[in-house]
Amino acid sequence: MKKRLSAYWWCQISGWSINAVASIINGVFNPYSWSYRNISADIFFFRLFIITLLGIMLTHFMRRVIIRSNVLQRRFSYQIIYVLIVTLVFAIMYSSSTLGMFKIFSLFKNNETIFTFPSLMFGALSYSFIVLFVWNLIYFSYHYIEKSRKALIEKIRFENELQLQKLESEKTKAEQKLESEKTKAEMQREATELQIKAMVATQEEERKRISRDLHDDVGTKLSALNLFLSSLHEKATITNNDEIKSLACSSKQFIKEAMHDVRQLLFNLSPTVLEEFGYTTAVEGLINKINETKQIHFDLVVFGINHRLKKDYELALYRITQELINNVLKHAKAKHVSLQIGQRDGKIILMMEDDGKGFDVSAHKDGYGLNNLDARTKLMQGTMTIDSQRGKGTSVMVEIPYCVIGP
């Protein structure tokens, strides 16, 4: 790759070339030019070449002296004095070198030979001093312009850096604040999950305790009472006491109904069919028993679930389904209910629609039943949507993320 000339050298060559062109124009149009002083054009152009070449060399050397002396960094008054001295010294060097070269190459005009060296030196020194002084003025002006430009660039760069640092600082603060809020929200979410888990675990433990008590205590006592009544019925038969016999039969019927209710409670509290056959089978059994009453009809549709779900999911989904069905039976006064349970797009979906009386969701959002449903759904990282209007029934959709991979 060719090395390009710097702007300084272009200015040097251009400046001295302009000086040479000015001398040529002066020689052409000035009546006292070389044509009237018996000097040929070859000698004139040779003299111009020497003057220009020496000018470029000496001004470059003078620039190096100015830079090394650090005069550009000093006070303005010192710079003026220094420039005058340097200009004078280099003017002497320039004029002496020019006259010496003219002498060596015999470039003096015929009428210049009559002048003494001091007079020629004075003329050349005056011309050199003016040229070099103008050169220094231009150079110093360029230096100050360049210095001001660099200072402005540095100021802009410094301001940009400050602005960038400010933006970075604000960004860092915003990220820290966001991280802090995120951490706080995460801690709140974890605390809420722990509370919900504790609540659900407490409910399940309480259900198990009540189930054991019903089975071990109430169930046993009812069975014993049924035996006593059977014994009483036998004695009434032997003694032919129809009144006691009738009372014993009626009592046994009541006990039979009570035992049926206890078994139903046991099933609702801790359904063995859920543990043995899974969620969908347990829901089917629950729906069939409700449909046997002929008071309300449930349509059950199961889609996308062709395998057992994880045990914790099955229990949570069953409790959610139980709560939804209980709400319909207690409050909806519906005749027909559609229940859809399925799996798609990585979610377990539970949809229930009834033709009951409906309710104002915002007015009942703090109710125990809805809160319990919402808590169980959030525990499974799911969402619950309720759409209901008075006189237009109720629609509930529960969506719970579910990954098939795993036990």
Protein backbone atom coordinates (compact mmCIF):
# COMPACT_ATOMS: atom_id res chain seq x y z
CA MET A 1 0.00 0.00 0.00
CA LYS A 2 1.40 3.41 -0.97
CA LYS A 3 2.02 5.82 1.90
CA ARG A 4 0.02 9.03 1.49
CA LEU A 5 1.49 12.46 2.21
CA SER A 6 0.23 14.13 5.38
CA ALA A 7 -1.81 17.34 5.31
CA TYR A 8 1.22 19.25 6.59
CA TRP A 9 3.39 18.29 3.62
CA TRP A 10 0.61 19.06 1.18
CA CYS A 11 0.35 22.54 2.73
CA GLN A 12 4.12 22.99 2.57
CA ILE A 13 4.37 22.03 -1.09
CA SER A 14 1.24 23.98 -2.03
CA GLY A 15 2.34 27.12 -0.16
CA TRP A 16 5.78 27.31 -1.66
CA SER A 17 4.40 26.39 -5.10
CA ILE A 18 2.01 29.35 -4.83
CA ASN A 19 4.99 31.53 -3.92
CA ALA A 20 6.80 30.29 -7.04
CA VAL A 21 3.75 30.91 -9.25
CA ALA A 22 3.48 34.43 -7.83
CA SER A 23 7.13 35.05 -8.73
CA ILE A 24 6.50 33.79 -12.29
CA ILE A 25 3.49 36.08 -12.71
CA ASN A 26 5.55 38.98 -11.41
CA GLY A 27 8.32 38.17 -13.90
CA VAL A 28 5.87 38.12 -16.80
CA PHE A 29 3.89 41.27 -16.06
CA ASN A 30 6.47 43.39 -14.23
CA PRO A 31 8.37 45.69 -16.72
CA TYR A 32 11.45 45.38 -14.50
CA SER A 33 11.52 41.63 -14.69
CA TRP A 34 14.35 39.35 -15.89
CA SER A 35 13.74 40.21 -19.57
CA TYR A 36 14.89 43.78 -18.91
CA ARG A 37 17.82 42.74 -16.72
CA ASN A 38 19.58 40.44 -19.13
CA ILE A 39 18.64 37.19 -17.33
CA SER A 40 17.44 34.14 -19.13
CA ALA A 41 14.29 32.21 -18.27
CA ASP A 42 16.35 29.09 -17.43
CA ILE A 43 18.33 30.94 -14.78
CA PHE A 44 15.15 32.53 -13.42
CA PHE A 45 13.38 29.17 -13.00
CA PHE A 46 16.51 27.58 -11.52
CA ARG A 47 16.64 30.38 -8.94
CA LEU A 48 12.94 29.77 -8.16
CA PHE A 49 13.61 26.05 -7.70
CA ILE A 50 16.46 26.72 -5.25
CA ILE A 51 14.40 29.29 -3.32
CA THR A 52 11.42 26.94 -3.11
CA LEU A 53 13.46 23.86 -2.16
CA LEU A 54 15.45 25.72 0.52
CA GLY A 55 12.20 27.25 1.79
CA ILE A 56 10.55 23.86 2.22
CA MET A 57 13.59 22.40 3.96
CA LEU A 58 14.20 25.32 6.33
CA THR A 59 10.54 25.82 7.29
CA HIS A 60 10.25 22.13 8.06
CA PHE A 61 13.37 22.33 10.21
CA MET A 62 12.02 25.49 11.87
CA ARG A 63 8.76 23.68 12.65
CA ARG A 64 10.73 20.86 14.31
CA VAL A 65 12.59 23.39 16.45
CA ILE A 66 9.31 25.04 17.51
CA ILE A 67 7.75 21.69 18.44
CA ARG A 68 10.78 20.47 20.42
CA SER A 69 11.04 23.73 22.35
CA ASN A 70 7.40 23.37 23.52
CA VAL A 71 6.88 27.05 22.77
CA LEU A 72 3.31 26.26 21.68
CA GLN A 73 2.48 25.37 25.29
CA ARG A 74 3.80 28.64 26.78
CA ARG A 75 2.27 32.08 27.33
CA PHE A 76 1.23 34.16 24.34
CA SER A 77 3.75 36.95 25.01
CA TYR A 78 6.58 34.42 25.22
CA GLN A 79 5.43 32.88 21.97
CA ILE A 80 5.60 36.25 20.12
CA ILE A 81 9.14 36.94 21.32
CA TYR A 82 10.22 33.40 20.51
CA VAL A 83 8.68 33.56 17.04
CA LEU A 84 10.43 36.83 16.24
CA ILE A 85 13.79 35.41 17.31
CA VAL A 86 13.33 32.11 15.49
CA THR A 87 12.08 33.89 12.39
CA LEU A 88 15.11 36.18 12.39
CA VAL A 89 17.57 33.29 12.87
CA PHE A 90 16.03 31.21 10.11
CA ALA A 91 15.69 34.24 7.86
CA ILE A 92 19.45 34.75 8.17
CA MET A 93 19.99 31.06 7.42
CA TYR A 94 17.58 31.18 4.50
CA SER A 95 19.02 34.33 2.90
CA SER A 96 22.62 33.16 3.44
CA SER A 97 21.86 29.77 1.93
CA THR A 98 20.07 31.32 -1.03
CA LEU A 99 22.90 33.79 -1.84
CA GLY A 100 25.47 31.03 -1.34
CA MET A 101 23.67 28.80 -3.82
CA PHE A 102 23.37 31.68 -6.28
CA LYS A 103 27.11 32.28 -5.96
CA ILE A 104 27.97 28.62 -6.44
CA PHE A 105 25.79 28.22 -9.52
CA SER A 106 26.57 31.75 -10.91
CA LEU A 107 22.94 32.76 -10.86
CA PHE A 108 23.41 36.47 -10.17
CA LYS A 109 22.19 38.95 -12.76
CA ASN A 110 24.69 41.18 -14.47
CA ASN A 111 23.50 44.29 -12.68
CA GLU A 112 23.43 42.45 -9.28
CA THR A 113 27.20 41.99 -9.35
CA ILE A 114 27.75 45.68 -8.77
CA PHE A 115 26.09 45.41 -5.31
CA THR A 116 28.13 44.49 -2.26
CA PHE A 117 27.35 41.35 -0.31
CA PRO A 118 25.94 43.27 2.71
CA SER A 119 23.45 45.10 0.48
CA LEU A 120 22.39 41.85 -1.21
CA MET A 121 22.20 40.17 2.20
CA PHE A 122 19.96 42.92 3.57
CA GLY A 123 17.54 42.62 0.64
CA ALA A 124 17.42 38.84 0.84
CA LEU A 125 17.10 38.96 4.66
CA SER A 126 14.16 41.35 4.46
CA TYR A 127 12.39 39.16 1.97
CA SER A 128 13.17 35.97 3.97
CA PHE A 129 12.02 37.48 7.27
CA ILE A 130 8.68 38.55 5.78
CA VAL A 131 8.10 35.17 4.12
CA LEU A 132 9.06 33.16 7.22
CA PHE A 133 7.12 35.43 9.56
CA VAL A 134 3.99 34.98 7.45
CA TRP A 135 4.67 31.22 7.43
CA ASN A 136 4.92 31.18 11.25
CA LEU A 137 1.72 33.19 11.59
CA ILE A 138 -0.08 30.70 9.37
CA TYR A 139 1.43 27.76 11.27
CA PHE A 140 0.58 29.19 14.69
CA SER A 141 -2.94 30.02 13.51
CA TYR A 142 -3.31 26.48 12.23
CA HIS A 143 -1.99 25.20 15.58
CA TYR A 144 -4.51 27.21 17.57
CA ILE A 145 -7.37 26.22 15.26
CA GLU A 146 -6.35 22.58 15.52
CA LYS A 147 -5.93 22.91 19.28
CA SER A 148 -9.39 24.45 19.59
CA ARG A 149 -10.84 21.73 17.37
CA LYS A 150 -9.21 18.98 19.45
CA ALA A 151 -10.33 20.67 22.66
CA LEU A 152 -13.88 20.83 21.30
CA ILE A 153 -13.72 17.17 20.24
CA GLU A 154 -12.31 16.23 23.64
CA LYS A 155 -15.04 18.23 25.36
CA ILE A 156 -17.71 16.53 23.26
CA ARG A 157 -16.11 13.13 23.90
CA PHE A 158 -15.90 13.86 27.64
CA GLU A 159 -19.53 14.99 27.72
CA ASN A 160 -20.54 11.88 25.77
CA GLU A 161 -18.59 9.70 28.19
CA LEU A 162 -20.28 11.42 31.13
CA GLN A 163 -23.66 10.95 29.48
CA LEU A 164 -22.81 7.33 28.73
CA GLN A 165 -21.67 6.78 32.33
CA LYS A 166 -24.88 8.43 33.54
CA LEU A 167 -26.95 6.18 31.27
CA GLU A 168 -24.96 3.13 32.40
CA SER A 169 -25.49 4.15 36.02
CA GLU A 170 -29.22 4.63 35.46
CA LYS A 171 -29.35 1.32 33.62
CA THR A 172 -27.54 -0.42 36.48
CA LYS A 173 -29.88 1.16 39.03
CA ALA A 174 -32.90 0.18 36.95
CA GLU A 175 -31.60 -3.39 36.61
CA GLN A 176 -30.88 -3.56 40.34
CA LYS A 177 -34.33 -2.19 41.11
CA LEU A 178 -35.91 -4.63 38.67
CA GLU A 179 -33.88 -7.48 40.14
CA SER A 180 -34.86 -6.38 43.64
CA GLU A 181 -38.53 -6.20 42.67
CA LYS A 182 -38.21 -9.52 40.88
CA THR A 183 -36.58 -11.07 43.93
CA LYS A 184 -39.24 -9.56 46.18
CA ALA A 185 -42.02 -10.82 43.89
CA GLU A 186 -40.35 -14.24 43.77
CA MET A 187 -40.12 -14.33 47.57
CA GLN A 188 -43.76 -13.29 47.85
CA ARG A 189 -44.75 -15.95 45.33
CA GLU A 190 -42.76 -18.60 47.20
CA ALA A 191 -44.30 -17.48 50.51
CA THR A 192 -47.77 -17.66 48.95
CA GLU A 193 -47.02 -21.13 47.56
CA LEU A 194 -45.80 -22.30 50.96
CA GLN A 195 -48.98 -20.95 52.59
CA ILE A 196 -51.15 -22.67 49.96
CA LYS A 197 -49.21 -25.92 50.33
CA ALA A 198 -49.55 -25.74 54.09
CA MET A 199 -53.28 -25.05 53.77
CA VAL A 200 -53.85 -27.90 51.33
CA ALA A 201 -51.69 -30.27 53.36
CA THR A 202 -53.65 -29.32 56.49
CA GLN A 203 -56.93 -29.92 54.69
CA GLU A 204 -55.79 -33.34 53.46
CA GLU A 205 -54.53 -34.31 56.90
CA GLU A 206 -57.82 -33.20 58.41
CA ARG A 207 -59.75 -35.22 55.83
CA LYS A 208 -57.67 -38.29 56.67
CA ARG A 209 -58.17 -37.78 60.39
CA ILE A 210 -61.94 -37.39 60.01
CA SER A 211 -62.01 -40.40 57.70
CA ARG A 212 -60.15 -42.54 60.28
CA ASP A 213 -62.41 -41.31 63.07
CA LEU A 214 -65.54 -42.09 61.07
CA HIS A 215 -64.27 -45.51 60.14
CA ASP A 216 -62.72 -46.53 63.46
CA ASP A 217 -65.09 -44.84 65.86
CA VAL A 218 -68.48 -43.98 64.37
CA GLY A 219 -68.48 -46.90 61.92
CA THR A 220 -67.58 -49.39 64.62
CA LYS A 221 -70.23 -48.03 67.00
CA LEU A 222 -72.90 -48.16 64.29
CA SER A 223 -71.96 -51.76 63.48
CA ALA A 224 -72.16 -52.66 67.20
CA LEU A 225 -75.50 -50.90 67.55
CA ASN A 226 -76.77 -52.81 64.53
CA LEU A 227 -75.79 -56.07 66.28
CA PHE A 228 -77.60 -55.03 69.47
CA LEU A 229 -80.75 -54.25 67.48
CA SER A 230 -80.51 -57.59 65.70
CA SER A 231 -80.31 -59.28 69.12
CA LEU A 232 -83.26 -57.23 70.34
CA HIS A 233 -85.24 -58.18 67.21
CA GLU A 234 -84.59 -61.88 67.88
CA LYS A 235 -85.75 -61.60 71.50
CA ALA A 236 -88.86 -59.66 70.43
CA THR A 237 -89.61 -62.47 67.97
CA ILE A 238 -89.23 -65.11 70.69
CA THR A 239 -91.46 -63.18 73.12
CA ASN A 240 -93.82 -62.30 70.31
CA ASN A 241 -93.57 -58.56 71.13
CA ASP A 242 -94.63 -56.92 67.90
CA GLU A 243 -94.07 -53.36 69.17
CA ILE A 244 -90.42 -53.93 70.11
CA LYS A 245 -89.96 -55.92 66.92
CA SER A 246 -91.25 -52.98 64.82
CA LEU A 247 -89.04 -50.49 66.67
CA ALA A 248 -86.02 -52.70 66.18
CA CYS A 249 -86.67 -52.97 62.42
CA SER A 250 -87.11 -49.20 62.09
CA SER A 251 -83.94 -48.57 64.10
CA LYS A 252 -81.97 -51.02 61.96
CA GLN A 253 -83.16 -49.18 58.83
CA PHE A 254 -82.00 -45.85 60.24
CA ILE A 255 -78.65 -47.36 61.17
CA LYS A 256 -78.33 -48.83 57.67
CA GLU A 257 -78.94 -45.38 56.17
CA ALA A 258 -76.48 -43.82 58.62
CA MET A 259 -73.83 -46.38 57.70
CA HIS A 260 -74.46 -45.64 54.00
CA ASP A 261 -73.98 -41.92 54.67
CA VAL A 262 -70.79 -42.63 56.61
CA ARG A 263 -69.45 -44.73 53.71
CA GLN A 264 -70.33 -41.89 51.33
CA LEU A 265 -68.45 -39.45 53.56
CA LEU A 266 -65.49 -41.79 53.67
CA PHE A 267 -65.52 -42.00 49.88
CA ASN A 268 -65.58 -38.21 49.51
CA LEU A 269 -62.94 -37.67 52.16
CA SER A 270 -60.51 -40.32 50.97
CA PRO A 271 -61.70 -42.05 47.80
CA THR A 272 -59.99 -45.42 47.44
CA VAL A 273 -60.97 -45.58 43.78
CA LEU A 274 -58.74 -42.54 43.14
CA GLU A 275 -55.71 -44.32 44.55
CA GLU A 276 -56.50 -47.59 42.80
CA PHE A 277 -57.77 -46.51 39.37
CA GLY A 278 -56.87 -42.86 38.89
CA TYR A 279 -58.42 -39.46 38.46
CA THR A 280 -60.73 -39.98 35.48
CA THR A 281 -62.20 -43.22 36.86
CA ALA A 282 -62.81 -41.58 40.24
CA VAL A 283 -64.60 -38.66 38.57
CA GLU A 284 -66.70 -41.05 36.47
CA GLY A 285 -67.76 -42.88 39.66
CA LEU A 286 -68.65 -39.63 41.36
CA ILE A 287 -70.69 -38.43 38.36
CA ASN A 288 -72.54 -41.76 38.06
CA LYS A 289 -73.62 -41.64 41.71
CA ILE A 290 -74.89 -38.08 41.26
CA ASN A 291 -76.79 -39.00 38.07
CA GLU A 292 -78.46 -41.87 39.96
CA THR A 293 -80.39 -39.31 42.03
CA LYS A 294 -82.27 -38.15 38.89
CA GLN A 295 -82.27 -34.61 40.36
CA ILE A 296 -79.50 -33.31 38.06
CA HIS A 297 -77.72 -34.72 35.04
CA PHE A 298 -73.95 -34.47 34.38
CA ASP A 299 -72.47 -35.07 30.91
CA LEU A 300 -68.85 -36.15 31.28
CA VAL A 301 -66.39 -35.98 28.35
CA VAL A 302 -62.79 -37.16 28.76
CA PHE A 303 -60.25 -36.44 25.99
CA GLY A 304 -56.50 -36.74 25.58
CA ILE A 305 -55.91 -38.60 28.86
CA ASN A 306 -55.01 -42.21 28.14
CA HIS A 307 -52.74 -42.88 31.10
CA ARG A 308 -52.53 -42.36 34.86
CA LEU A 309 -51.42 -38.88 35.96
CA LYS A 310 -48.92 -38.17 38.68
CA LYS A 311 -50.37 -38.87 42.12
CA ASP A 312 -50.10 -35.32 43.44
CA TYR A 313 -51.77 -34.03 40.26
CA GLU A 314 -54.54 -36.62 40.51
CA LEU A 315 -55.35 -35.68 44.11
CA ALA A 316 -55.22 -31.91 43.39
CA LEU A 317 -57.41 -32.26 40.27
CA TYR A 318 -59.88 -34.49 42.09
CA ARG A 319 -60.25 -31.95 44.92
CA ILE A 320 -60.76 -29.14 42.39
CA THR A 321 -63.37 -31.22 40.55
CA GLN A 322 -65.09 -32.09 43.84
CA GLU A 323 -65.25 -28.41 44.82
CA LEU A 324 -66.71 -27.43 41.44
CA ILE A 325 -69.36 -30.18 41.62
CA ASN A 326 -70.24 -29.27 45.23
CA ASN A 327 -70.67 -25.62 44.24
CA VAL A 328 -73.08 -26.64 41.47
CA LEU A 329 -75.05 -28.96 43.76
CA LYS A 330 -75.28 -26.40 46.58
CA HIS A 331 -75.83 -23.12 44.76
CA ALA A 332 -76.48 -23.41 41.01
CA LYS A 333 -79.96 -25.03 41.01
CA ALA A 334 -79.00 -26.41 37.62
CA LYS A 335 -80.60 -29.28 35.73
CA HIS A 336 -77.86 -30.02 33.22
CA VAL A 337 -74.09 -29.78 33.66
CA SER A 338 -71.36 -30.37 31.09
CA LEU A 339 -67.99 -31.49 32.47
CA GLN A 340 -65.01 -31.89 30.14
CA ILE A 341 -61.64 -33.18 31.31
CA GLY A 342 -58.69 -33.51 28.97
CA GLN A 343 -55.08 -32.96 28.11
CA ARG A 344 -53.66 -30.91 25.21
CA ASP A 345 -50.80 -28.50 24.48
CA GLY A 346 -48.96 -29.52 27.65
CA LYS A 347 -51.92 -28.67 29.91
CA ILE A 348 -54.60 -30.45 31.90
CA ILE A 349 -57.90 -28.74 31.05
CA LEU A 350 -61.06 -28.89 33.15
CA MET A 351 -64.20 -27.17 31.80
CA MET A 352 -67.58 -27.10 33.52
CA GLU A 353 -70.75 -25.39 32.29
CA ASP A 354 -74.18 -25.41 33.92
CA ASP A 355 -77.63 -23.95 33.15
CA GLY A 356 -78.18 -22.74 36.70
CA LYS A 357 -79.05 -19.35 38.11
CA GLY A 358 -75.54 -17.91 37.81
CA PHE A 359 -73.98 -15.35 40.15
CA ASP A 360 -72.00 -12.10 40.31
CA VAL A 361 -68.35 -13.20 40.24
CA SER A 362 -66.96 -9.93 41.64
CA ALA A 363 -69.37 -10.05 44.59
CA HIS A 364 -68.40 -13.63 45.55
CA LYS A 365 -64.69 -13.62 44.71
CA ASP A 366 -63.74 -13.69 48.41
CA GLY A 367 -65.95 -16.66 49.22
CA TYR A 368 -64.42 -19.73 50.83
CA GLY A 369 -65.26 -22.04 47.92
CA LEU A 370 -63.77 -19.81 45.22
CA ASN A 371 -60.72 -19.02 47.34
CA ASN A 372 -60.15 -22.70 47.94
CA LEU A 373 -60.42 -23.40 44.20
CA ASP A 374 -58.09 -20.52 43.35
CA ALA A 375 -55.54 -21.61 45.96
CA ARG A 376 -55.45 -25.21 44.73
CA THR A 377 -55.15 -24.05 41.11
CA LYS A 378 -52.30 -21.64 41.88
CA LEU A 379 -50.52 -24.35 43.83
CA MET A 380 -50.33 -26.31 40.57
CA GLN A 381 -49.12 -23.16 38.69
CA GLY A 382 -52.44 -23.09 36.87
CA THR A 383 -55.11 -20.53 36.02
CA MET A 384 -58.84 -20.46 36.66
CA THR A 385 -61.35 -18.44 34.63
CA ILE A 386 -64.96 -17.99 35.76
CA ASP A 387 -67.66 -16.54 33.51
CA SER A 388 -71.11 -16.16 35.06
CA GLN A 389 -74.16 -13.90 34.86
CA ARG A 390 -77.35 -14.02 36.82
CA GLY A 391 -79.93 -16.17 35.05
CA LYS A 392 -77.44 -17.36 32.40
CA GLY A 393 -75.56 -20.12 34.15
CA THR A 394 -71.87 -20.45 34.95
CA SER A 395 -68.79 -21.50 32.98
CA VAL A 396 -65.49 -22.40 34.67
CA MET A 397 -62.18 -23.26 32.98
CA VAL A 398 -59.15 -24.52 34.86
CA GLU A 399 -55.82 -24.93 33.02
CA ILE A 400 -52.86 -26.58 34.75
CA PRO A 401 -49.45 -27.09 33.12
CA TYR A 402 -48.54 -30.77 32.95
CA CYS A 403 -45.41 -32.47 31.64
CA VAL A 404 -45.88 -36.04 30.48
CA ILE A 405 -42.21 -36.92 31.11
CA GLY A 406 -41.63 -38.36 34.54
CA PRO A 407 -43.31 -40.72 36.93
